């Protein structure tokens, strides 16, 4: 969690980040009729984020939006997806979003031009969304799914917790992207969803 700040601008502990990410992982792993895809180490990773090393990392770094999930380039399958969360933001790690929250000046990135003074961004919400990319899902628009990108033009965009829970489209996408282990452990097989 180096670089991760809480809602007051203080360093987040490993256990605080672990709890939010663990809840995000549970949303995807508990999808009925699908495989569990994520496990989480109970101790901090001491190595570096290296694209293509087969180790998925979650780091807090300078970034131009809330977060991103970067699979290795030219990958025909996803076997790692390094998640980068913006170290310039403050993060909410509470079980719910606080009714009152401290505001601060957002980092100077294009995505935040709409609102310079913001509150803490919900870590579990963003982590759940980025893990959706790690299972192979892209963005959806207008349905209120976890995979809907953040709309920075709305008031208080940072307070949302709606992406903590999967919508029916997220669940369907997760089931569709699950690998067929009966024939191959390396390539997903397309499935018909009814």
C-alpha atoms as a PDB file:
ATOM      1  CA  UNK A   1       0.000   0.000   0.000  1.00  0.00           C
ATOM      2  CA  UNK A   2       2.947   2.410  -0.337  1.00  0.00           C
ATOM      3  CA  UNK A   3       1.493   5.671  -1.645  1.00  0.00           C
ATOM      4  CA  UNK A   4      -2.063   4.819  -0.519  1.00  0.00           C
ATOM      5  CA  UNK A   5      -3.696   7.577   1.535  1.00  0.00           C
ATOM      6  CA  UNK A   6      -6.841   7.369   3.617  1.00  0.00           C
ATOM      7  CA  UNK A   7      -9.681   9.898   3.534  1.00  0.00           C
ATOM      8  CA  UNK A   8      -7.704  12.261   5.790  1.00  0.00           C
ATOM      9  CA  UNK A   9      -4.463  12.004   3.797  1.00  0.00           C
ATOM     10  CA  UNK A  10      -2.722   9.539   6.151  1.00  0.00           C
ATOM     11  CA  UNK A  11      -0.960   6.361   5.004  1.00  0.00           C
ATOM     12  CA  UNK A  12      -3.292   3.358   4.684  1.00  0.00           C
ATOM     13  CA  UNK A  13      -2.188   0.160   6.373  1.00  0.00           C
ATOM     14  CA  UNK A  14      -1.791  -3.131   4.529  1.00  0.00           C
ATOM     15  CA  UNK A  15      -4.767  -4.560   6.438  1.00  0.00           C
ATOM     16  CA  UNK A  16      -7.033  -1.675   5.340  1.00  0.00           C
ATOM     17  CA  UNK A  17      -6.113  -2.133   1.675  1.00  0.00           C
ATOM     18  CA  UNK A  18      -6.300  -5.926   2.066  1.00  0.00           C
ATOM     19  CA  UNK A  19      -9.842  -5.749   3.451  1.00  0.00           C
ATOM     20  CA  UNK A  20     -11.178  -3.558   0.625  1.00  0.00           C
ATOM     21  CA  UNK A  21      -9.494  -5.651  -2.079  1.00  0.00           C
ATOM     22  CA  UNK A  22     -10.593  -8.896  -0.407  1.00  0.00           C
ATOM     23  CA  UNK A  23     -14.218  -7.700  -0.502  1.00  0.00           C
ATOM     24  CA  UNK A  24     -13.798  -6.804  -4.183  1.00  0.00           C
ATOM     25  CA  UNK A  25     -12.370 -10.251  -4.923  1.00  0.00           C
ATOM     26  CA  UNK A  26     -15.269 -11.912  -3.078  1.00  0.00           C
ATOM     27  CA  UNK A  27     -17.738 -10.193  -5.399  1.00  0.00           C
ATOM     28  CA  UNK A  28     -16.165 -11.914  -8.421  1.00  0.00           C
ATOM     29  CA  UNK A  29     -15.286 -15.243  -6.777  1.00  0.00           C
ATOM     30  CA  UNK A  30     -18.807 -15.715  -5.386  1.00  0.00           C
ATOM     31  CA  UNK A  31     -20.466 -15.486  -8.814  1.00  0.00           C
ATOM     32  CA  UNK A  32     -22.760 -18.515  -9.022  1.00  0.00           C
ATOM     33  CA  UNK A  33     -22.081 -21.072 -11.782  1.00  0.00           C
ATOM     34  CA  UNK A  34     -18.544 -19.823 -12.354  1.00  0.00           C
ATOM     35  CA  UNK A  35     -15.011 -20.496 -11.220  1.00  0.00           C
ATOM     36  CA  UNK A  36     -13.157 -18.622  -8.509  1.00  0.00           C
ATOM     37  CA  UNK A  37     -10.420 -16.692 -10.259  1.00  0.00           C
ATOM     38  CA  UNK A  38      -8.621 -14.671  -7.613  1.00  0.00           C
ATOM     39  CA  UNK A  39      -6.631 -15.395  -4.487  1.00  0.00           C
ATOM     40  CA  UNK A  40      -5.007 -12.741  -2.352  1.00  0.00           C
ATOM     41  CA  UNK A  41      -1.718 -13.008  -0.516  1.00  0.00           C
ATOM     42  CA  UNK A  42      -2.006 -12.388   3.208  1.00  0.00           C
ATOM     43  CA  UNK A  43       1.268 -10.466   3.237  1.00  0.00           C
ATOM     44  CA  UNK A  44       2.503  -7.508   1.203  1.00  0.00           C
ATOM     45  CA  UNK A  45       4.412  -8.292  -1.987  1.00  0.00           C
ATOM     46  CA  UNK A  46       7.946  -6.970  -1.746  1.00  0.00           C
ATOM     47  CA  UNK A  47       8.813  -7.184  -5.442  1.00  0.00           C
ATOM     48  CA  UNK A  48       8.249  -4.658  -8.204  1.00  0.00           C
ATOM     49  CA  UNK A  49       5.395  -4.392 -10.681  1.00  0.00           C
ATOM     50  CA  UNK A  50       6.742  -6.047 -13.819  1.00  0.00           C
ATOM     51  CA  UNK A  51       4.575  -6.550 -16.882  1.00  0.00           C
ATOM     52  CA  UNK A  52       4.549 -10.163 -18.033  1.00  0.00           C
ATOM     53  CA  UNK A  53       6.046 -11.795 -14.927  1.00  0.00           C
ATOM     54  CA  UNK A  54       2.882 -13.801 -14.186  1.00  0.00           C
ATOM     55  CA  UNK A  55       2.300 -11.993 -10.877  1.00  0.00           C
ATOM     56  CA  UNK A  56      -0.698  -9.721 -10.581  1.00  0.00           C
ATOM     57  CA  UNK A  57       0.117  -6.745  -8.384  1.00  0.00           C
ATOM     58  CA  UNK A  58      -1.950  -3.909  -6.976  1.00  0.00           C
ATOM     59  CA  UNK A  59       0.075  -0.737  -6.547  1.00  0.00           C
ATOM     60  CA  UNK A  60      -0.595   2.917  -5.814  1.00  0.00           C
ATOM     61  CA  UNK A  61       1.257   5.071  -8.333  1.00  0.00           C
ATOM     62  CA  UNK A  62       0.881   8.415 -10.079  1.00  0.00           C
ATOM     63  CA  UNK A  63      -1.819   7.802 -12.659  1.00  0.00           C
ATOM     64  CA  UNK A  64      -4.216   9.823 -14.782  1.00  0.00           C
ATOM     65  CA  UNK A  65      -7.483   8.296 -13.552  1.00  0.00           C
ATOM     66  CA  UNK A  66      -8.712   6.338 -10.526  1.00  0.00           C
ATOM     67  CA  UNK A  67      -7.159   3.093 -11.655  1.00  0.00           C
ATOM     68  CA  UNK A  68      -6.319   0.752 -14.483  1.00  0.00           C
ATOM     69  CA  UNK A  69      -5.781  -2.950 -15.036  1.00  0.00           C
ATOM     70  CA  UNK A  70      -2.877  -3.667 -17.373  1.00  0.00           C
ATOM     71  CA  UNK A  71      -2.582  -7.165 -18.821  1.00  0.00           C
ATOM     72  CA  UNK A  72       0.680  -7.877 -20.618  1.00  0.00           C
ATOM     73  CA  UNK A  73       0.723  -6.500 -24.159  1.00  0.00           C
ATOM     74  CA  UNK A  74       0.097  -8.948 -26.943  1.00  0.00           C
ATOM     75  CA  UNK A  75      -1.390 -11.456 -24.504  1.00  0.00           C
ATOM     76  CA  UNK A  76      -3.709 -14.078 -25.988  1.00  0.00           C
ATOM     77  CA  UNK A  77      -4.932 -14.943 -22.521  1.00  0.00           C
ATOM     78  CA  UNK A  78      -4.968 -13.079 -19.236  1.00  0.00           C
ATOM     79  CA  UNK A  79      -2.741 -14.707 -16.648  1.00  0.00           C
ATOM     80  CA  UNK A  80      -1.888 -11.491 -14.834  1.00  0.00           C
ATOM     81  CA  UNK A  81      -3.304  -8.003 -14.720  1.00  0.00           C
ATOM     82  CA  UNK A  82      -1.321  -5.416 -12.802  1.00  0.00           C
ATOM     83  CA  UNK A  83      -3.719  -2.966 -11.182  1.00  0.00           C
ATOM     84  CA  UNK A  84      -2.488   0.594 -10.739  1.00  0.00           C
ATOM     85  CA  UNK A  85      -4.460   2.864  -8.397  1.00  0.00           C
ATOM     86  CA  UNK A  86      -3.875   6.604  -8.288  1.00  0.00           C
ATOM     87  CA  UNK A  87      -1.562   7.580  -5.431  1.00  0.00           C
ATOM     88  CA  UNK A  88      -2.654  11.215  -5.768  1.00  0.00           C
ATOM     89  CA  UNK A  89      -6.141  10.362  -4.536  1.00  0.00           C
ATOM     90  CA  UNK A  90      -7.413   9.749  -1.030  1.00  0.00           C
ATOM     91  CA  UNK A  91      -9.254   6.485  -0.594  1.00  0.00           C
ATOM     92  CA  UNK A  92     -12.310   5.486   1.425  1.00  0.00           C
ATOM     93  CA  UNK A  93     -11.868   2.044   3.003  1.00  0.00           C
ATOM     94  CA  UNK A  94     -14.882   2.130   5.335  1.00  0.00           C
ATOM     95  CA  UNK A  95     -17.625  -0.502   5.027  1.00  0.00           C
ATOM     96  CA  UNK A  96     -19.891   2.256   3.716  1.00  0.00           C
ATOM     97  CA  UNK A  97     -19.253   5.704   2.364  1.00  0.00           C
ATOM     98  CA  UNK A  98     -19.160   8.243   5.231  1.00  0.00           C
ATOM     99  CA  UNK A  99     -22.055  10.710   5.387  1.00  0.00           C
ATOM    100  CA  UNK A 100     -19.553  13.494   5.945  1.00  0.00           C
ATOM    101  CA  UNK A 101     -16.095  13.395   4.474  1.00  0.00           C
ATOM    102  CA  UNK A 102     -13.077  15.655   4.239  1.00  0.00           C
ATOM    103  CA  UNK A 103     -12.471  17.271   0.872  1.00  0.00           C
ATOM    104  CA  UNK A 104      -9.130  18.033  -0.739  1.00  0.00           C
ATOM    105  CA  UNK A 105      -7.736  19.375  -3.988  1.00  0.00           C
ATOM    106  CA  UNK A 106      -7.670  16.638  -6.609  1.00  0.00           C
ATOM    107  CA  UNK A 107      -4.511  15.901  -8.552  1.00  0.00           C
ATOM    108  CA  UNK A 108      -4.169  17.903 -11.738  1.00  0.00           C
ATOM    109  CA  UNK A 109      -5.166  15.279 -14.304  1.00  0.00           C
ATOM    110  CA  UNK A 110      -7.543  15.684 -17.236  1.00  0.00           C
ATOM    111  CA  UNK A 111     -10.086  13.260 -15.782  1.00  0.00           C
ATOM    112  CA  UNK A 112     -10.551  15.437 -12.691  1.00  0.00           C
ATOM    113  CA  UNK A 113     -10.933  18.783 -14.451  1.00  0.00           C
ATOM    114  CA  UNK A 114     -14.652  18.849 -13.709  1.00  0.00           C
ATOM    115  CA  UNK A 115     -14.241  18.983  -9.933  1.00  0.00           C
ATOM    116  CA  UNK A 116     -11.023  20.217  -8.387  1.00  0.00           C
ATOM    117  CA  UNK A 117     -12.211  19.743  -4.801  1.00  0.00           C
ATOM    118  CA  UNK A 118     -13.245  16.163  -4.184  1.00  0.00           C
ATOM    119  CA  UNK A 119     -13.732  13.672  -1.377  1.00  0.00           C
ATOM    120  CA  UNK A 120     -12.134  10.250  -0.939  1.00  0.00           C
ATOM    121  CA  UNK A 121     -12.688   7.746  -3.762  1.00  0.00           C
ATOM    122  CA  UNK A 122     -14.142   4.386  -2.708  1.00  0.00           C
ATOM    123  CA  UNK A 123     -11.349   1.786  -2.897  1.00  0.00           C
ATOM    124  CA  UNK A 124     -13.595  -1.295  -2.952  1.00  0.00           C
ATOM    125  CA  UNK A 125     -15.694   0.233  -5.751  1.00  0.00           C
ATOM    126  CA  UNK A 126     -12.645   0.907  -7.947  1.00  0.00           C
ATOM    127  CA  UNK A 127     -10.956  -2.420  -7.095  1.00  0.00           C
ATOM    128  CA  UNK A 128     -14.079  -4.397  -8.038  1.00  0.00           C
ATOM    129  CA  UNK A 129     -14.231  -2.554 -11.364  1.00  0.00           C
ATOM    130  CA  UNK A 130     -10.543  -3.121 -12.152  1.00  0.00           C
ATOM    131  CA  UNK A 131     -10.787  -6.819 -11.231  1.00  0.00           C
ATOM    132  CA  UNK A 132     -13.578  -7.043 -13.812  1.00  0.00           C
ATOM    133  CA  UNK A 133     -10.999  -6.101 -16.427  1.00  0.00           C
ATOM    134  CA  UNK A 134      -8.763  -8.842 -15.011  1.00  0.00           C
ATOM    135  CA  UNK A 135     -11.452 -11.440 -15.828  1.00  0.00           C
ATOM    136  CA  UNK A 136     -11.563 -10.079 -19.369  1.00  0.00           C
ATOM    137  CA  UNK A 137     -14.494  -7.665 -19.317  1.00  0.00           C
ATOM    138  CA  UNK A 138     -14.517  -4.266 -20.993  1.00  0.00           C
ATOM    139  CA  UNK A 139     -16.591  -1.197 -20.153  1.00  0.00           C
ATOM    140  CA  UNK A 140     -20.383  -1.127 -20.346  1.00  0.00           C
ATOM    141  CA  UNK A 141     -22.366   2.076 -20.625  1.00  0.00           C
ATOM    142  CA  UNK A 142     -25.724   3.121 -19.215  1.00  0.00           C
ATOM    143  CA  UNK A 143     -26.650   0.021 -17.232  1.00  0.00           C
ATOM    144  CA  UNK A 144     -25.277   0.700 -13.746  1.00  0.00           C
ATOM    145  CA  UNK A 145     -23.001  -2.343 -13.885  1.00  0.00           C
ATOM    146  CA  UNK A 146     -19.683  -2.678 -12.089  1.00  0.00           C
ATOM    147  CA  UNK A 147     -17.998  -2.384 -15.474  1.00  0.00           C
ATOM    148  CA  UNK A 148     -19.489   1.037 -16.180  1.00  0.00           C
ATOM    149  CA  UNK A 149     -16.647   3.580 -16.132  1.00  0.00           C
ATOM    150  CA  UNK A 150     -16.630   6.529 -13.740  1.00  0.00           C
ATOM    151  CA  UNK A 151     -18.538   9.537 -15.058  1.00  0.00           C
ATOM    152  CA  UNK A 152     -16.409  12.449 -13.908  1.00  0.00           C
ATOM    153  CA  UNK A 153     -19.024  14.972 -15.069  1.00  0.00           C
ATOM    154  CA  UNK A 154     -21.542  14.147 -12.314  1.00  0.00           C
ATOM    155  CA  UNK A 155     -21.531  15.788  -8.897  1.00  0.00           C
ATOM    156  CA  UNK A 156     -19.781  13.806  -6.179  1.00  0.00           C
ATOM    157  CA  UNK A 157     -18.607  11.064  -8.588  1.00  0.00           C
ATOM    158  CA  UNK A 158     -16.128   9.952  -5.928  1.00  0.00           C
ATOM    159  CA  UNK A 159     -18.811   8.979  -3.377  1.00  0.00           C
ATOM    160  CA  UNK A 160     -20.285   6.082  -5.336  1.00  0.00           C
ATOM    161  CA  UNK A 161     -20.189   2.559  -3.985  1.00  0.00           C
ATOM    162  CA  UNK A 162     -22.467   1.077  -6.668  1.00  0.00           C
ATOM    163  CA  UNK A 163     -19.679  -0.887  -8.318  1.00  0.00           C
ATOM    164  CA  UNK A 164     -18.939  -2.792  -5.113  1.00  0.00           C
ATOM    165  CA  UNK A 165     -21.679  -5.240  -6.090  1.00  0.00           C
ATOM    166  CA  UNK A 166     -21.993  -6.968  -9.450  1.00  0.00           C
ATOM    167  CA  UNK A 167     -24.964  -6.307 -11.707  1.00  0.00           C
ATOM    168  CA  UNK A 168     -26.585  -9.004 -13.833  1.00  0.00           C
ATOM    169  CA  UNK A 169     -24.464  -7.995 -16.840  1.00  0.00           C
ATOM    170  CA  UNK A 170     -21.256  -8.309 -14.823  1.00  0.00           C
ATOM    171  CA  UNK A 171     -22.287 -11.780 -13.647  1.00  0.00           C
ATOM    172  CA  UNK A 172     -23.202 -12.861 -17.185  1.00  0.00           C
ATOM    173  CA  UNK A 173     -19.897 -11.546 -18.506  1.00  0.00           C
ATOM    174  CA  UNK A 174     -17.940 -13.364 -15.789  1.00  0.00           C
ATOM    175  CA  UNK A 175     -19.687 -16.659 -16.561  1.00  0.00           C
ATOM    176  CA  UNK A 176     -19.080 -16.162 -20.293  1.00  0.00           C
ATOM    177  CA  UNK A 177     -15.363 -15.487 -19.771  1.00  0.00           C
ATOM    178  CA  UNK A 178     -14.812 -18.525 -17.512  1.00  0.00           C
ATOM    179  CA  UNK A 179     -12.449 -21.096 -19.024  1.00  0.00           C
ATOM    180  CA  UNK A 180     -13.675 -24.535 -20.026  1.00  0.00           C
ATOM    181  CA  UNK A 181     -11.360 -26.777 -18.023  1.00  0.00           C
ATOM    182  CA  UNK A 182     -12.730 -29.935 -19.654  1.00  0.00           C
ATOM    183  CA  UNK A 183     -10.581 -29.462 -22.766  1.00  0.00           C
ATOM    184  CA  UNK A 184      -7.939 -26.886 -21.974  1.00  0.00           C
ATOM    185  CA  UNK A 185      -6.611 -25.047 -18.968  1.00  0.00           C
ATOM    186  CA  UNK A 186      -5.195 -22.223 -21.033  1.00  0.00           C
ATOM    187  CA  UNK A 187      -7.868 -20.866 -23.379  1.00  0.00           C
ATOM    188  CA  UNK A 188     -11.447 -19.789 -22.654  1.00  0.00           C
ATOM    189  CA  UNK A 189     -14.183 -21.445 -24.678  1.00  0.00           C
ATOM    190  CA  UNK A 190     -17.151 -19.286 -25.790  1.00  0.00           C
ATOM    191  CA  UNK A 191     -20.447 -20.204 -24.122  1.00  0.00           C
ATOM    192  CA  UNK A 192     -24.054 -19.416 -24.923  1.00  0.00           C
ATOM    193  CA  UNK A 193     -25.830 -17.570 -22.113  1.00  0.00           C
ATOM    194  CA  UNK A 194     -29.537 -18.281 -21.765  1.00  0.00           C
END
